[in-house]
Amino acid sequence: MAKRYELPDLVWDLVADICYESRRSGRPRTDDRLMLNGVLWVLCSGAAWRDMPERFGPMSTVYQRVGDWRNRGAFDQMPKRPHIKLNEGCQSLSS
């Protein structure tokens, strides 16, 4: 069960591929779900970035990930995902 302000598994499954970015080299990427949960915690709680709990990782990393996702249009795509899945389900039922 997801904690307060954190994505449940079902929702994460819908948006995980939007957040993921493959890398060939460099430091291992911090878990995208953890980063997104940190973003949601800040936005939903109304707290400052510096007050984000340590369990989400370094504030600077979470903040940087927000910028990356924003620049790639991830936040524009996320709200559309439930509608896409519903439409796919309706089409498979009518076939």
C-alpha atoms as a PDB file:
ATOM      1  CA  MET A   1       0.000   0.000   0.000  1.00  0.00           C
ATOM      2  CA  ALA A   2       1.321   3.410  -0.963  1.00  0.00           C
ATOM      3  CA  LYS A   3       2.033   5.977   1.707  1.00  0.00           C
ATOM      4  CA  ARG A   4       0.386   9.359   1.745  1.00  0.00           C
ATOM      5  CA  TYR A   5       1.238  11.411  -1.367  1.00  0.00           C
ATOM      6  CA  GLU A   6       2.864   8.394  -3.045  1.00  0.00           C
ATOM      7  CA  LEU A   7       1.779   6.596  -6.204  1.00  0.00           C
ATOM      8  CA  PRO A   8       0.052   3.231  -5.834  1.00  0.00           C
ATOM      9  CA  ASP A   9       1.378   0.363  -7.969  1.00  0.00           C
ATOM     10  CA  LEU A  10      -1.476   0.589 -10.485  1.00  0.00           C
ATOM     11  CA  VAL A  11      -0.805   4.253 -11.242  1.00  0.00           C
ATOM     12  CA  TRP A  12       2.955   3.755 -11.372  1.00  0.00           C
ATOM     13  CA  ASP A  13       2.473   0.975 -13.929  1.00  0.00           C
ATOM     14  CA  LEU A  14       0.618   3.453 -16.148  1.00  0.00           C
ATOM     15  CA  VAL A  15       3.320   6.139 -16.102  1.00  0.00           C
ATOM     16  CA  ALA A  16       6.580   4.266 -15.480  1.00  0.00           C
ATOM     17  CA  ASP A  17       7.712   4.257 -19.098  1.00  0.00           C
ATOM     18  CA  ILE A  18       7.197   8.029 -19.345  1.00  0.00           C
ATOM     19  CA  CYS A  19       9.635   8.604 -16.478  1.00  0.00           C
ATOM     20  CA  TYR A  20      12.249   6.085 -17.541  1.00  0.00           C
ATOM     21  CA  GLU A  21      15.320   7.246 -19.414  1.00  0.00           C
ATOM     22  CA  SER A  22      17.938   4.712 -20.436  1.00  0.00           C
ATOM     23  CA  ARG A  23      21.601   5.463 -19.846  1.00  0.00           C
ATOM     24  CA  ARG A  24      24.614   3.628 -21.139  1.00  0.00           C
ATOM     25  CA  SER A  25      27.271   5.014 -18.840  1.00  0.00           C
ATOM     26  CA  GLY A  26      27.796   7.051 -15.739  1.00  0.00           C
ATOM     27  CA  ARG A  27      26.408   6.759 -12.257  1.00  0.00           C
ATOM     28  CA  PRO A  28      23.414   4.409 -11.805  1.00  0.00           C
ATOM     29  CA  ARG A  29      20.148   6.323 -12.069  1.00  0.00           C
ATOM     30  CA  THR A  30      18.196   6.845  -8.864  1.00  0.00           C
ATOM     31  CA  ASP A  31      14.810   5.093  -8.858  1.00  0.00           C
ATOM     32  CA  ASP A  32      12.323   7.097 -10.933  1.00  0.00           C
ATOM     33  CA  ARG A  33       9.363   6.094  -8.786  1.00  0.00           C
ATOM     34  CA  LEU A  34      11.099   7.325  -5.663  1.00  0.00           C
ATOM     35  CA  MET A  35      11.894  10.617  -7.385  1.00  0.00           C
ATOM     36  CA  LEU A  36       8.296  11.060  -8.603  1.00  0.00           C
ATOM     37  CA  ASN A  37       7.003  10.301  -5.113  1.00  0.00           C
ATOM     38  CA  GLY A  38       9.308  13.025  -3.784  1.00  0.00           C
ATOM     39  CA  VAL A  39       7.882  15.478  -6.308  1.00  0.00           C
ATOM     40  CA  LEU A  40       4.334  14.542  -5.314  1.00  0.00           C
ATOM     41  CA  TRP A  41       5.181  14.895  -1.637  1.00  0.00           C
ATOM     42  CA  VAL A  42       6.416  18.453  -2.158  1.00  0.00           C
ATOM     43  CA  LEU A  43       3.496  19.445  -4.387  1.00  0.00           C
ATOM     44  CA  CYS A  44       0.776  17.878  -2.238  1.00  0.00           C
ATOM     45  CA  SER A  45       2.162  18.856   1.159  1.00  0.00           C
ATOM     46  CA  GLY A  46       2.941  22.423   0.165  1.00  0.00           C
ATOM     47  CA  ALA A  47       6.311  22.161   1.868  1.00  0.00           C
ATOM     48  CA  ALA A  48       9.522  23.656   0.554  1.00  0.00           C
ATOM     49  CA  TRP A  49      11.900  21.438  -1.421  1.00  0.00           C
ATOM     50  CA  ARG A  50      14.429  21.625   1.401  1.00  0.00           C
ATOM     51  CA  ASP A  51      11.852  20.099   3.777  1.00  0.00           C
ATOM     52  CA  MET A  52      11.305  16.981   1.655  1.00  0.00           C
ATOM     53  CA  PRO A  53      11.948  13.805   3.707  1.00  0.00           C
ATOM     54  CA  GLU A  54      15.312  12.134   3.182  1.00  0.00           C
ATOM     55  CA  ARG A  55      13.630   8.862   2.147  1.00  0.00           C
ATOM     56  CA  PHE A  56      13.105  10.363  -1.337  1.00  0.00           C
ATOM     57  CA  GLY A  57      16.801  11.008  -1.833  1.00  0.00           C
ATOM     58  CA  PRO A  58      18.727  14.247  -2.223  1.00  0.00           C
ATOM     59  CA  MET A  59      16.541  17.270  -2.836  1.00  0.00           C
ATOM     60  CA  SER A  60      18.801  18.413  -5.666  1.00  0.00           C
ATOM     61  CA  THR A  61      18.375  15.087  -7.488  1.00  0.00           C
ATOM     62  CA  VAL A  62      14.586  15.165  -7.200  1.00  0.00           C
ATOM     63  CA  TYR A  63      14.503  18.797  -8.309  1.00  0.00           C
ATOM     64  CA  GLN A  64      16.772  18.026 -11.282  1.00  0.00           C
ATOM     65  CA  ARG A  65      14.524  15.128 -12.291  1.00  0.00           C
ATOM     66  CA  VAL A  66      11.523  17.485 -12.306  1.00  0.00           C
ATOM     67  CA  GLY A  67      13.326  19.681 -14.797  1.00  0.00           C
ATOM     68  CA  ASP A  68      14.260  16.702 -16.972  1.00  0.00           C
ATOM     69  CA  TRP A  69      10.677  15.399 -17.017  1.00  0.00           C
ATOM     70  CA  ARG A  70       9.281  18.859 -17.691  1.00  0.00           C
ATOM     71  CA  ASN A  71      11.638  19.364 -20.633  1.00  0.00           C
ATOM     72  CA  ARG A  72      10.679  15.982 -22.099  1.00  0.00           C
ATOM     73  CA  GLY A  73       6.944  16.668 -21.706  1.00  0.00           C
ATOM     74  CA  ALA A  74       6.400  13.836 -19.237  1.00  0.00           C
ATOM     75  CA  PHE A  75       4.009  15.833 -17.071  1.00  0.00           C
ATOM     76  CA  ASP A  76       1.849  16.562 -20.110  1.00  0.00           C
ATOM     77  CA  GLN A  77       1.637  12.857 -20.960  1.00  0.00           C
ATOM     78  CA  MET A  78       0.862  11.511 -17.471  1.00  0.00           C
ATOM     79  CA  PRO A  79      -2.778  12.649 -17.172  1.00  0.00           C
ATOM     80  CA  LYS A  80      -3.564  11.131 -20.582  1.00  0.00           C
ATOM     81  CA  ARG A  81      -2.475   7.613 -19.634  1.00  0.00           C
ATOM     82  CA  PRO A  82      -5.607   6.481 -17.750  1.00  0.00           C
ATOM     83  CA  HIS A  83      -7.762   7.570 -20.700  1.00  0.00           C
ATOM     84  CA  ILE A  84      -5.572   5.651 -23.155  1.00  0.00           C
ATOM     85  CA  LYS A  85      -5.772   2.483 -21.042  1.00  0.00           C
ATOM     86  CA  LEU A  86      -9.541   2.817 -20.686  1.00  0.00           C
ATOM     87  CA  ASN A  87      -9.937   3.229 -24.437  1.00  0.00           C
ATOM     88  CA  GLU A  88      -7.767   0.160 -25.081  1.00  0.00           C
ATOM     89  CA  GLY A  89      -9.908  -1.850 -22.650  1.00  0.00           C
ATOM     90  CA  CYS A  90     -13.134  -0.732 -24.295  1.00  0.00           C
ATOM     91  CA  GLN A  91     -11.831  -1.602 -27.745  1.00  0.00           C
ATOM     92  CA  SER A  92     -10.788  -5.086 -26.638  1.00  0.00           C
ATOM     93  CA  LEU A  93     -14.225  -5.673 -25.087  1.00  0.00           C
ATOM     94  CA  SER A  94     -16.037  -4.684 -28.275  1.00  0.00           C
ATOM     95  CA  SER A  95     -13.868  -6.899 -30.488  1.00  0.00           C
END
